[in-house]
PDB file of N, CA and C in Angstrom:
ATOM      1  N   MET A   1      28.966 -12.625  -9.507  1.00  0.00           N
ATOM      2  CA  MET A   1      28.101 -13.573 -10.324  1.00  0.00           C
ATOM      3  C   MET A   1      27.349 -13.657 -10.982  1.00  0.00           C
ATOM      4  N   SER A   2      26.506 -12.483 -12.009  1.00  0.00           N
ATOM      5  CA  SER A   2      25.546 -12.421 -12.932  1.00  0.00           C
ATOM      6  C   SER A   2      26.813 -12.650 -14.211  1.00  0.00           C
ATOM      7  N   ASP A   3      28.387 -12.588 -13.850  1.00  0.00           N
ATOM      8  CA  ASP A   3      29.177 -12.711 -15.445  1.00  0.00           C
ATOM      9  C   ASP A   3      29.515 -13.840 -15.391  1.00  0.00           C
ATOM     10  N   VAL A   4      29.070 -14.916 -13.879  1.00  0.00           N
ATOM     11  CA  VAL A   4      29.102 -16.435 -13.964  1.00  0.00           C
ATOM     12  C   VAL A   4      28.058 -16.663 -15.414  1.00  0.00           C
ATOM     13  N   LEU A   5      26.836 -16.235 -14.828  1.00  0.00           N
ATOM     14  CA  LEU A   5      25.387 -16.245 -15.305  1.00  0.00           C
ATOM     15  C   LEU A   5      25.597 -16.300 -16.611  1.00  0.00           C
ATOM     16  N   GLU A   6      26.107 -15.278 -16.802  1.00  0.00           N
ATOM     17  CA  GLU A   6      26.124 -14.475 -18.384  1.00  0.00           C
ATOM     18  C   GLU A   6      26.375 -15.477 -19.721  1.00  0.00           C
ATOM     19  N   LYS A   7      27.675 -15.895 -18.975  1.00  0.00           N
ATOM     20  CA  LYS A   7      28.847 -16.557 -19.618  1.00  0.00           C
ATOM     21  C   LYS A   7      28.373 -18.446 -19.961  1.00  0.00           C
ATOM     22  N   LEU A   8      27.609 -18.314 -18.692  1.00  0.00           N
ATOM     23  CA  LEU A   8      26.360 -19.495 -18.708  1.00  0.00           C
ATOM     24  C   LEU A   8      25.660 -19.626 -19.875  1.00  0.00           C
ATOM     25  N   ALA A   9      24.447 -18.693 -20.102  1.00  0.00           N
ATOM     26  CA  ALA A   9      23.855 -18.394 -20.558  1.00  0.00           C
ATOM     27  C   ALA A   9      24.239 -18.036 -22.245  1.00  0.00           C
ATOM     28  N   ALA A  10      25.451 -18.012 -22.577  1.00  0.00           N
ATOM     29  CA  ALA A  10      26.068 -17.959 -23.662  1.00  0.00           C
ATOM     30  C   ALA A  10      26.510 -18.990 -24.300  1.00  0.00           C
ATOM     31  N   THR A  11      26.960 -19.904 -23.056  1.00  0.00           N
ATOM     32  CA  THR A  11      27.306 -20.873 -24.005  1.00  0.00           C
ATOM     33  C   THR A  11      26.476 -21.849 -23.980  1.00  0.00           C
ATOM     34  N   LEU A  12      24.705 -21.821 -23.120  1.00  0.00           N
ATOM     35  CA  LEU A  12      23.672 -22.310 -23.349  1.00  0.00           C
ATOM     36  C   LEU A  12      23.241 -22.190 -24.877  1.00  0.00           C
ATOM     37  N   GLU A  13      23.563 -21.102 -25.391  1.00  0.00           N
ATOM     38  CA  GLU A  13      22.894 -20.200 -26.587  1.00  0.00           C
ATOM     39  C   GLU A  13      23.539 -21.503 -27.480  1.00  0.00           C
ATOM     40  N   GLN A  14      25.175 -21.582 -27.489  1.00  0.00           N
ATOM     41  CA  GLN A  14      26.224 -22.003 -28.700  1.00  0.00           C
ATOM     42  C   GLN A  14      25.715 -23.609 -28.256  1.00  0.00           C
ATOM     43  N   ARG A  15      24.928 -24.174 -27.438  1.00  0.00           N
ATOM     44  CA  ARG A  15      24.449 -25.818 -27.521  1.00  0.00           C
ATOM     45  C   ARG A  15      23.478 -26.332 -28.104  1.00  0.00           C
ATOM     46  N   LYS A  16      22.670 -24.627 -29.120  1.00  0.00           N
ATOM     47  CA  LYS A  16      21.307 -24.886 -29.392  1.00  0.00           C
ATOM     48  C   LYS A  16      21.808 -26.234 -30.690  1.00  0.00           C
ATOM     49  N   SER A  17      23.178 -25.780 -31.116  1.00  0.00           N
ATOM     50  CA  SER A  17      23.480 -25.997 -32.645  1.00  0.00           C
ATOM     51  C   SER A  17      24.684 -27.501 -32.334  1.00  0.00           C
ATOM     52  N   ALA A  18      24.765 -27.494 -31.232  1.00  0.00           N
ATOM     53  CA  ALA A  18      25.961 -28.571 -30.567  1.00  0.00           C
ATOM     54  C   ALA A  18      25.177 -30.202 -31.017  1.00  0.00           C
ATOM     55  N   ASP A  19      26.085 -31.218 -31.284  1.00  0.00           N
ATOM     56  CA  ASP A  19      25.405 -32.694 -31.992  1.00  0.00           C
ATOM     57  C   ASP A  19      25.216 -32.672 -30.272  1.00  0.00           C
ATOM     58  N   PRO A  20      23.398 -33.470 -29.664  1.00  0.00           N
ATOM     59  CA  PRO A  20      23.006 -34.100 -28.963  1.00  0.00           C
ATOM     60  C   PRO A  20      23.770 -35.594 -28.729  1.00  0.00           C
ATOM     61  N   GLU A  21      24.918 -35.783 -29.124  1.00  0.00           N
ATOM     62  CA  GLU A  21      25.472 -36.980 -28.915  1.00  0.00           C
ATOM     63  C   GLU A  21      27.044 -36.641 -28.400  1.00  0.00           C
ATOM     64  N   THR A  22      27.493 -35.584 -28.036  1.00  0.00           N
ATOM     65  CA  THR A  22      28.252 -34.959 -27.257  1.00  0.00           C
ATOM     66  C   THR A  22      28.136 -33.930 -26.387  1.00  0.00           C
ATOM     67  N   SER A  23      26.904 -33.289 -26.813  1.00  0.00           N
ATOM     68  CA  SER A  23      26.507 -32.423 -25.293  1.00  0.00           C
ATOM     69  C   SER A  23      25.109 -32.666 -24.542  1.00  0.00           C
ATOM     70  N   TYR A  24      25.491 -32.889 -22.980  1.00  0.00           N
ATOM     71  CA  TYR A  24      23.912 -33.112 -22.766  1.00  0.00           C
ATOM     72  C   TYR A  24      22.935 -31.847 -23.092  1.00  0.00           C
ATOM     73  N   VAL A  25      23.582 -30.706 -22.942  1.00  0.00           N
ATOM     74  CA  VAL A  25      22.660 -29.276 -23.237  1.00  0.00           C
ATOM     75  C   VAL A  25      21.886 -29.746 -24.638  1.00  0.00           C
ATOM     76  N   ALA A  26      22.503 -30.582 -25.646  1.00  0.00           N
ATOM     77  CA  ALA A  26      21.906 -30.408 -27.070  1.00  0.00           C
ATOM     78  C   ALA A  26      20.671 -31.439 -26.893  1.00  0.00           C
ATOM     79  N   SER A  27      20.894 -32.345 -26.024  1.00  0.00           N
ATOM     80  CA  SER A  27      20.372 -33.417 -26.000  1.00  0.00           C
ATOM     81  C   SER A  27      19.285 -33.459 -25.446  1.00  0.00           C
ATOM     82  N   LEU A  28      19.683 -32.441 -24.117  1.00  0.00           N
ATOM     83  CA  LEU A  28      18.119 -31.714 -23.624  1.00  0.00           C
ATOM     84  C   LEU A  28      17.046 -31.324 -24.413  1.00  0.00           C
ATOM     85  N   TYR A  29      17.596 -29.986 -25.244  1.00  0.00           N
ATOM     86  CA  TYR A  29      16.938 -29.845 -26.190  1.00  0.00           C
ATOM     87  C   TYR A  29      16.493 -30.640 -27.512  1.00  0.00           C
ATOM     88  N   ARG A  30      17.166 -31.625 -27.954  1.00  0.00           N
ATOM     89  CA  ARG A  30      16.626 -32.091 -29.014  1.00  0.00           C
ATOM     90  C   ARG A  30      15.329 -32.627 -27.914  1.00  0.00           C
ATOM     91  N   GLN A  31      15.593 -33.175 -26.741  1.00  0.00           N
ATOM     92  CA  GLN A  31      13.986 -34.031 -26.203  1.00  0.00           C
ATOM     93  C   GLN A  31      12.711 -33.023 -26.277  1.00  0.00           C
ATOM     94  N   GLY A  32      13.328 -32.011 -25.645  1.00  0.00           N
ATOM     95  CA  GLY A  32      11.951 -30.632 -26.090  1.00  0.00           C
ATOM     96  C   GLY A  32      11.635 -30.624 -24.498  1.00  0.00           C
ATOM     97  N   LEU A  33      11.032 -29.389 -24.551  1.00  0.00           N
ATOM     98  CA  LEU A  33      10.517 -28.519 -22.784  1.00  0.00           C
ATOM     99  C   LEU A  33      10.233 -29.388 -22.502  1.00  0.00           C
ATOM    100  N   ASN A  34       8.913 -30.839 -22.813  1.00  0.00           N
ATOM    101  CA  ASN A  34       8.834 -31.367 -21.091  1.00  0.00           C
ATOM    102  C   ASN A  34       9.739 -32.490 -20.785  1.00  0.00           C
ATOM    103  N   LYS A  35      10.815 -32.757 -21.719  1.00  0.00           N
ATOM    104  CA  LYS A  35      12.195 -33.381 -20.737  1.00  0.00           C
ATOM    105  C   LYS A  35      12.612 -32.407 -20.016  1.00  0.00           C
ATOM    106  N   ILE A  36      12.932 -31.017 -20.166  1.00  0.00           N
ATOM    107  CA  ILE A  36      13.426 -29.837 -19.542  1.00  0.00           C
ATOM    108  C   ILE A  36      12.992 -29.633 -18.494  1.00  0.00           C
ATOM    109  N   LEU A  37      11.484 -29.281 -18.661  1.00  0.00           N
ATOM    110  CA  LEU A  37      10.926 -29.244 -17.340  1.00  0.00           C
ATOM    111  C   LEU A  37      10.850 -30.365 -16.393  1.00  0.00           C
ATOM    112  N   GLU A  38      10.932 -31.459 -16.829  1.00  0.00           N
ATOM    113  CA  GLU A  38      11.074 -32.650 -15.848  1.00  0.00           C
ATOM    114  C   GLU A  38      12.340 -32.476 -15.074  1.00  0.00           C
ATOM    115  N   LYS A  39      13.112 -32.167 -15.762  1.00  0.00           N
ATOM    116  CA  LYS A  39      14.494 -31.281 -15.051  1.00  0.00           C
ATOM    117  C   LYS A  39      14.647 -31.104 -14.515  1.00  0.00           C
ATOM    118  N   VAL A  40      13.803 -29.752 -14.550  1.00  0.00           N
ATOM    119  CA  VAL A  40      14.011 -28.728 -13.318  1.00  0.00           C
ATOM    120  C   VAL A  40      12.748 -28.844 -12.405  1.00  0.00           C
ATOM    121  N   GLY A  41      11.658 -29.806 -12.168  1.00  0.00           N
ATOM    122  CA  GLY A  41      10.689 -30.021 -11.347  1.00  0.00           C
ATOM    123  C   GLY A  41      11.506 -31.157 -10.450  1.00  0.00           C
ATOM    124  N   GLU A  42      12.417 -32.022 -11.172  1.00  0.00           N
ATOM    125  CA  GLU A  42      13.374 -33.043 -10.142  1.00  0.00           C
ATOM    126  C   GLU A  42      14.390 -32.199  -9.577  1.00  0.00           C
ATOM    127  N   GLU A  43      15.293 -31.408  -9.908  1.00  0.00           N
ATOM    128  CA  GLU A  43      16.314 -30.363  -8.980  1.00  0.00           C
ATOM    129  C   GLU A  43      15.511 -29.576  -8.263  1.00  0.00           C
ATOM    130  N   ALA A  44      14.004 -29.082  -8.744  1.00  0.00           N
ATOM    131  CA  ALA A  44      13.500 -28.306  -7.604  1.00  0.00           C
ATOM    132  C   ALA A  44      13.407 -29.446  -6.385  1.00  0.00           C
ATOM    133  N   THR A  45      12.805 -30.648  -6.334  1.00  0.00           N
ATOM    134  CA  THR A  45      12.441 -31.097  -5.354  1.00  0.00           C
ATOM    135  C   THR A  45      13.870 -32.036  -4.990  1.00  0.00           C
ATOM    136  N   GLU A  46      14.902 -32.355  -5.684  1.00  0.00           N
ATOM    137  CA  GLU A  46      16.058 -32.366  -4.489  1.00  0.00           C
ATOM    138  C   GLU A  46      17.196 -31.146  -4.197  1.00  0.00           C
ATOM    139  N   VAL A  47      16.421 -29.616  -3.795  1.00  0.00           N
ATOM    140  CA  VAL A  47      17.155 -29.165  -3.568  1.00  0.00           C
ATOM    141  C   VAL A  47      15.904 -29.005  -1.885  1.00  0.00           C
ATOM    142  N   ILE A  48      14.852 -28.986  -2.385  1.00  0.00           N
ATOM    143  CA  ILE A  48      13.614 -28.667  -1.299  1.00  0.00           C
ATOM    144  C   ILE A  48      14.622 -30.784  -0.264  1.00  0.00           C
ATOM    145  N   LEU A  49      15.138 -31.257  -0.824  1.00  0.00           N
ATOM    146  CA  LEU A  49      15.326 -32.431   0.534  1.00  0.00           C
ATOM    147  C   LEU A  49      16.543 -32.158   1.120  1.00  0.00           C
ATOM    148  N   ALA A  50      17.482 -31.753   0.044  1.00  0.00           N
ATOM    149  CA  ALA A  50      18.634 -31.166   0.374  1.00  0.00           C
ATOM    150  C   ALA A  50      18.876 -29.606   1.876  1.00  0.00           C
ATOM    151  N   ALA A  51      17.804 -28.732   1.586  1.00  0.00           N
ATOM    152  CA  ALA A  51      17.513 -27.580   2.359  1.00  0.00           C
ATOM    153  C   ALA A  51      16.970 -28.662   3.649  1.00  0.00           C
ATOM    154  N   LYS A  52      15.984 -29.392   3.092  1.00  0.00           N
ATOM    155  CA  LYS A  52      15.239 -30.098   4.732  1.00  0.00           C
ATOM    156  C   LYS A  52      16.902 -30.975   5.711  1.00  0.00           C
ATOM    157  N   ASP A  53      16.992 -32.284   5.295  1.00  0.00           N
ATOM    158  CA  ASP A  53      18.265 -32.552   5.298  1.00  0.00           C
ATOM    159  C   ASP A  53      19.675 -32.035   5.983  1.00  0.00           C
ATOM    160  N   MET A  54      19.671 -30.594   5.444  1.00  0.00           N
ATOM    161  CA  MET A  54      20.923 -29.920   5.616  1.00  0.00           C
ATOM    162  C   MET A  54      21.414 -29.938   7.424  1.00  0.00           C
ATOM    163  N   ARG A  55      22.503 -30.779   7.019  1.00  0.00           N
ATOM    164  CA  ARG A  55      23.121 -30.356   8.798  1.00  0.00           C
ATOM    165  C   ARG A  55      24.875 -30.170   8.729  1.00  0.00           C
ATOM    166  N   GLY A  56      25.446 -29.347   9.022  1.00  0.00           N
ATOM    167  CA  GLY A  56      26.685 -29.512   8.505  1.00  0.00           C
ATOM    168  C   GLY A  56      27.119 -28.741   7.505  1.00  0.00           C
ATOM    169  N   GLU A  57      28.658 -28.749   7.513  1.00  0.00           N
ATOM    170  CA  GLU A  57      29.198 -28.602   5.565  1.00  0.00           C
ATOM    171  C   GLU A  57      28.702 -29.508   4.727  1.00  0.00           C
ATOM    172  N   GLN A  58      28.867 -30.762   5.208  1.00  0.00           N
ATOM    173  CA  GLN A  58      28.717 -31.794   3.854  1.00  0.00           C
ATOM    174  C   GLN A  58      27.255 -31.301   3.513  1.00  0.00           C
ATOM    175  N   GLY A  59      26.213 -31.550   4.054  1.00  0.00           N
ATOM    176  CA  GLY A  59      25.038 -30.642   3.864  1.00  0.00           C
ATOM    177  C   GLY A  59      25.023 -30.201   3.348  1.00  0.00           C
ATOM    178  N   ARG A  60      25.541 -28.405   3.527  1.00  0.00           N
ATOM    179  CA  ARG A  60      25.670 -27.179   2.676  1.00  0.00           C
ATOM    180  C   ARG A  60      26.603 -27.648   1.511  1.00  0.00           C
ATOM    181  N   GLY A  61      27.087 -28.190   1.153  1.00  0.00           N
ATOM    182  CA  GLY A  61      27.712 -28.067   0.413  1.00  0.00           C
ATOM    183  C   GLY A  61      26.727 -29.538  -0.312  1.00  0.00           C
ATOM    184  N   GLU A  62      26.317 -30.223   0.001  1.00  0.00           N
ATOM    185  CA  GLU A  62      24.938 -30.666  -1.167  1.00  0.00           C
ATOM    186  C   GLU A  62      23.757 -29.885  -1.465  1.00  0.00           C
ATOM    187  N   LEU A  63      23.796 -29.265  -0.339  1.00  0.00           N
ATOM    188  CA  LEU A  63      22.649 -27.980  -0.879  1.00  0.00           C
ATOM    189  C   LEU A  63      23.269 -27.621  -1.624  1.00  0.00           C
ATOM    190  N   ILE A  64      23.929 -26.243  -1.796  1.00  0.00           N
ATOM    191  CA  ILE A  64      24.917 -25.738  -2.746  1.00  0.00           C
ATOM    192  C   ILE A  64      24.971 -26.289  -3.876  1.00  0.00           C
ATOM    193  N   ALA A  65      24.987 -27.205  -4.063  1.00  0.00           N
ATOM    194  CA  ALA A  65      25.253 -28.208  -5.476  1.00  0.00           C
ATOM    195  C   ALA A  65      23.526 -28.272  -6.482  1.00  0.00           C
ATOM    196  N   GLU A  66      23.062 -28.663  -5.357  1.00  0.00           N
ATOM    197  CA  GLU A  66      21.812 -28.661  -5.585  1.00  0.00           C
ATOM    198  C   GLU A  66      20.926 -27.667  -6.321  1.00  0.00           C
ATOM    199  N   VAL A  67      21.339 -26.409  -5.656  1.00  0.00           N
ATOM    200  CA  VAL A  67      20.957 -25.264  -6.172  1.00  0.00           C
ATOM    201  C   VAL A  67      21.642 -25.167  -7.464  1.00  0.00           C
ATOM    202  N   ALA A  68      22.487 -25.366  -7.376  1.00  0.00           N
ATOM    203  CA  ALA A  68      23.296 -24.939  -8.821  1.00  0.00           C
ATOM    204  C   ALA A  68      22.587 -25.203 -10.217  1.00  0.00           C
ATOM    205  N   ASP A  69      22.327 -26.876  -9.797  1.00  0.00           N
ATOM    206  CA  ASP A  69      21.955 -27.655 -10.798  1.00  0.00           C
ATOM    207  C   ASP A  69      20.795 -27.126 -11.052  1.00  0.00           C
ATOM    208  N   LEU A  70      19.312 -26.756 -10.279  1.00  0.00           N
ATOM    209  CA  LEU A  70      18.450 -26.203 -10.173  1.00  0.00           C
ATOM    210  C   LEU A  70      18.316 -24.451 -11.216  1.00  0.00           C
ATOM    211  N   TRP A  71      19.307 -24.373 -10.596  1.00  0.00           N
ATOM    212  CA  TRP A  71      19.795 -23.011 -11.747  1.00  0.00           C
ATOM    213  C   TRP A  71      20.315 -23.102 -13.420  1.00  0.00           C
ATOM    214  N   PHE A  72      20.550 -24.157 -13.166  1.00  0.00           N
ATOM    215  CA  PHE A  72      21.224 -24.804 -14.288  1.00  0.00           C
ATOM    216  C   PHE A  72      20.358 -24.849 -15.238  1.00  0.00           C
ATOM    217  N   HIS A  73      19.243 -26.089 -14.701  1.00  0.00           N
ATOM    218  CA  HIS A  73      18.411 -26.095 -15.602  1.00  0.00           C
ATOM    219  C   HIS A  73      17.074 -25.502 -16.096  1.00  0.00           C
ATOM    220  N   SER A  74      16.908 -25.102 -15.009  1.00  0.00           N
ATOM    221  CA  SER A  74      16.268 -23.268 -15.193  1.00  0.00           C
ATOM    222  C   SER A  74      16.509 -22.281 -16.252  1.00  0.00           C
ATOM    223  N   MET A  75      17.915 -21.973 -16.216  1.00  0.00           N
ATOM    224  CA  MET A  75      18.594 -21.470 -17.677  1.00  0.00           C
ATOM    225  C   MET A  75      18.262 -21.978 -18.904  1.00  0.00           C
ATOM    226  N   VAL A  76      18.794 -23.212 -18.617  1.00  0.00           N
ATOM    227  CA  VAL A  76      18.129 -24.516 -20.294  1.00  0.00           C
ATOM    228  C   VAL A  76      16.913 -23.954 -20.197  1.00  0.00           C
ATOM    229  N   MET A  77      15.959 -24.182 -19.505  1.00  0.00           N
ATOM    230  CA  MET A  77      14.143 -23.861 -20.116  1.00  0.00           C
ATOM    231  C   MET A  77      14.347 -22.975 -20.586  1.00  0.00           C
ATOM    232  N   LEU A  78      14.711 -21.595 -19.867  1.00  0.00           N
ATOM    233  CA  LEU A  78      14.939 -19.926 -20.352  1.00  0.00           C
ATOM    234  C   LEU A  78      15.169 -20.177 -21.807  1.00  0.00           C
ATOM    235  N   SER A  79      15.952 -20.244 -21.968  1.00  0.00           N
ATOM    236  CA  SER A  79      17.297 -20.464 -23.096  1.00  0.00           C
ATOM    237  C   SER A  79      16.470 -21.172 -24.353  1.00  0.00           C
ATOM    238  N   HIS A  80      15.708 -22.313 -23.740  1.00  0.00           N
ATOM    239  CA  HIS A  80      15.499 -23.413 -24.914  1.00  0.00           C
ATOM    240  C   HIS A  80      13.819 -22.738 -25.738  1.00  0.00           C
ATOM    241  N   LEU A  81      13.305 -21.701 -24.417  1.00  0.00           N
ATOM    242  CA  LEU A  81      12.217 -20.563 -25.135  1.00  0.00           C
ATOM    243  C   LEU A  81      12.417 -19.706 -25.263  1.00  0.00           C
ATOM    244  N   ASP A  82      13.583 -19.096 -25.844  1.00  0.00           N
ATOM    245  CA  ASP A  82      14.555 -17.876 -26.134  1.00  0.00           C
ATOM    246  C   ASP A  82      13.977 -16.540 -25.072  1.00  0.00           C
ATOM    247  N   VAL A  83      14.384 -16.863 -23.431  1.00  0.00           N
ATOM    248  CA  VAL A  83      13.951 -16.034 -22.838  1.00  0.00           C
ATOM    249  C   VAL A  83      15.224 -15.871 -22.368  1.00  0.00           C
ATOM    250  N   ASP A  84      15.762 -14.470 -22.733  1.00  0.00           N
ATOM    251  CA  ASP A  84      17.214 -13.965 -21.914  1.00  0.00           C
ATOM    252  C   ASP A  84      16.943 -13.844 -20.590  1.00  0.00           C
ATOM    253  N   ILE A  85      18.353 -14.325 -19.940  1.00  0.00           N
ATOM    254  CA  ILE A  85      18.464 -14.332 -18.457  1.00  0.00           C
ATOM    255  C   ILE A  85      18.496 -12.734 -18.090  1.00  0.00           C
ATOM    256  N   SER A  86      18.906 -11.930 -18.785  1.00  0.00           N
ATOM    257  CA  SER A  86      19.109 -10.575 -18.162  1.00  0.00           C
ATOM    258  C   SER A  86      17.404  -9.850 -17.938  1.00  0.00           C
ATOM    259  N   GLU A  87      16.065 -10.313 -18.722  1.00  0.00           N
ATOM    260  CA  GLU A  87      14.971 -10.206 -18.271  1.00  0.00           C
ATOM    261  C   GLU A  87      14.887 -10.778 -16.727  1.00  0.00           C
ATOM    262  N   VAL A  88      15.609 -12.543 -16.394  1.00  0.00           N
ATOM    263  CA  VAL A  88      14.356 -12.559 -14.877  1.00  0.00           C
ATOM    264  C   VAL A  88      15.540 -11.527 -14.212  1.00  0.00           C
ATOM    265  N   SER A  89      16.924 -11.133 -14.610  1.00  0.00           N
ATOM    266  CA  SER A  89      17.591  -9.915 -13.493  1.00  0.00           C
ATOM    267  C   SER A  89      16.973  -8.587 -13.870  1.00  0.00           C
ATOM    268  N   ASP A  90      16.070  -8.357 -14.830  1.00  0.00           N
ATOM    269  CA  ASP A  90      15.712  -6.865 -15.041  1.00  0.00           C
ATOM    270  C   ASP A  90      14.291  -7.186 -13.842  1.00  0.00           C
ATOM    271  N   CYS A  91      13.917  -8.306 -13.941  1.00  0.00           N
ATOM    272  CA  CYS A  91      12.545  -8.224 -12.933  1.00  0.00           C
ATOM    273  C   CYS A  91      13.046  -8.326 -11.647  1.00  0.00           C
ATOM    274  N   LEU A  92      13.895  -9.249 -11.470  1.00  0.00           N
ATOM    275  CA  LEU A  92      14.625  -8.939  -9.506  1.00  0.00           C
ATOM    276  C   LEU A  92      14.887  -7.569  -9.629  1.00  0.00           C
ATOM    277  N   GLY A  93      15.527  -6.745 -10.483  1.00  0.00           N
ATOM    278  CA  GLY A  93      15.781  -5.690 -10.088  1.00  0.00           C
ATOM    279  C   GLY A  93      15.038  -4.169 -10.183  1.00  0.00           C
ATOM    280  N   LYS A  94      13.435  -4.742 -10.596  1.00  0.00           N
ATOM    281  CA  LYS A  94      12.637  -3.724 -10.098  1.00  0.00           C
ATOM    282  C   LYS A  94      12.035  -4.215  -8.920  1.00  0.00           C
ATOM    283  N   ARG A  95      12.148  -5.586  -8.705  1.00  0.00           N
ATOM    284  CA  ARG A  95      11.731  -5.976  -7.295  1.00  0.00           C
ATOM    285  C   ARG A  95      12.550  -5.043  -6.003  1.00  0.00           C
ATOM    286  N   MET A  96      13.505  -4.515  -6.197  1.00  0.00           N
ATOM    287  CA  MET A  96      14.602  -4.529  -5.085  1.00  0.00           C
ATOM    288  C   MET A  96      14.017  -3.167  -4.521  1.00  0.00           C
ATOM    289  N   GLY A  97      14.156  -3.202  -3.010  1.00  0.00           N
ATOM    290  CA  GLY A  97      13.386  -1.963  -2.753  1.00  0.00           C
ATOM    291  C   GLY A  97      11.693  -2.193  -2.078  1.00  0.00           C
ATOM    292  N   ILE A  98      11.083  -2.922  -2.549  1.00  0.00           N
ATOM    293  CA  ILE A  98      10.282  -2.998  -2.529  1.00  0.00           C
ATOM    294  C   ILE A  98       9.512  -4.600  -1.671  1.00  0.00           C
ATOM    295  N   SER A  99       8.728  -4.060  -0.945  1.00  0.00           N
ATOM    296  CA  SER A  99       7.848  -4.899   0.294  1.00  0.00           C
ATOM    297  C   SER A  99       7.490  -6.614  -0.860  1.00  0.00           C
ATOM    298  N   GLY A 100       7.813  -7.280  -0.208  1.00  0.00           N
ATOM    299  CA  GLY A 100       7.649  -8.678  -0.892  1.00  0.00           C
ATOM    300  C   GLY A 100       5.353  -8.326  -1.108  1.00  0.00           C
ATOM    301  N   ILE A 101       5.653  -8.167   0.196  1.00  0.00           N
ATOM    302  CA  ILE A 101       3.810  -8.280   0.278  1.00  0.00           C
ATOM    303  C   ILE A 101       3.364  -7.131  -0.384  1.00  0.00           C
ATOM    304  N   ASP A 102       3.965  -6.509  -0.899  1.00  0.00           N
ATOM    305  CA  ASP A 102       2.993  -5.097  -1.428  1.00  0.00           C
ATOM    306  C   ASP A 102       3.464  -5.495  -3.179  1.00  0.00           C
ATOM    307  N   GLU A 103       4.966  -6.372  -3.725  1.00  0.00           N
ATOM    308  CA  GLU A 103       5.410  -6.631  -5.024  1.00  0.00           C
ATOM    309  C   GLU A 103       3.855  -8.027  -5.013  1.00  0.00           C
ATOM    310  N   LYS A 104       4.319  -8.326  -4.523  1.00  0.00           N
ATOM    311  CA  LYS A 104       2.926  -9.548  -4.660  1.00  0.00           C
ATOM    312  C   LYS A 104       1.611  -9.053  -4.715  1.00  0.00           C
ATOM    313  N   SER A 105       0.961  -8.263  -4.331  1.00  0.00           N
ATOM    314  CA  SER A 105      -0.280  -7.810  -4.445  1.00  0.00           C
ATOM    315  C   SER A 105      -0.481  -7.131  -5.229  1.00  0.00           C
ATOM    316  N   GLY A 106       0.565  -6.230  -5.974  1.00  0.00           N
ATOM    317  CA  GLY A 106       0.750  -5.632  -7.008  1.00  0.00           C
ATOM    318  C   GLY A 106       0.561  -6.568  -8.618  1.00  0.00           C
ATOM    319  N   ARG A 107       1.373  -7.621  -7.958  1.00  0.00           N
ATOM    320  CA  ARG A 107       0.991  -8.508  -8.984  1.00  0.00           C
ATOM    321  C   ARG A 107      -0.133  -8.915  -9.495  1.00  0.00           C
ATOM    322  N   ASN A 108      -0.679  -9.204  -8.340  1.00  0.00           N
ATOM    323  CA  ASN A 108      -2.871  -9.651  -8.427  1.00  0.00           C
ATOM    324  C   ASN A 108      -3.409  -8.643  -8.731  1.00  0.00           C
ATOM    325  N   ASN A 109      -3.220  -7.152  -8.911  1.00  0.00           N
ATOM    326  CA  ASN A 109      -4.109  -6.733  -9.528  1.00  0.00           C
ATOM    327  C   ASN A 109      -3.298  -6.121 -10.902  1.00  0.00           C
ATOM    328  N   GLN A 110      -2.739  -7.072 -11.637  1.00  0.00           N
ATOM    329  CA  GLN A 110      -2.197  -6.948 -13.015  1.00  0.00           C
ATOM    330  C   GLN A 110      -3.827  -8.025 -13.991  1.00  0.00           C
TER     331      GLN A 110
END
């Protein structure tokens, strides 16, 4: 899985210099952070609705597709902000084996 995300991150980085007329990602970069954040919010809402309405295999496929869209647009946001996907992976890795309750309370004390 991480190989797919790493390849996508590299592609997103390449799209920074692409023609916005021929690249959806380049057009998002050109429109700026607010447009990218709008897309992240829109996709998050669609994930919530797909999860709430999930029934059977068709619903499962719709949920998976919406989560993929959310991950994609979140990665566009990270790329636009020059945050490497490995920073997110490292953060998740540090949380492995720690209770979610303990991890969250540790963040509140920082």
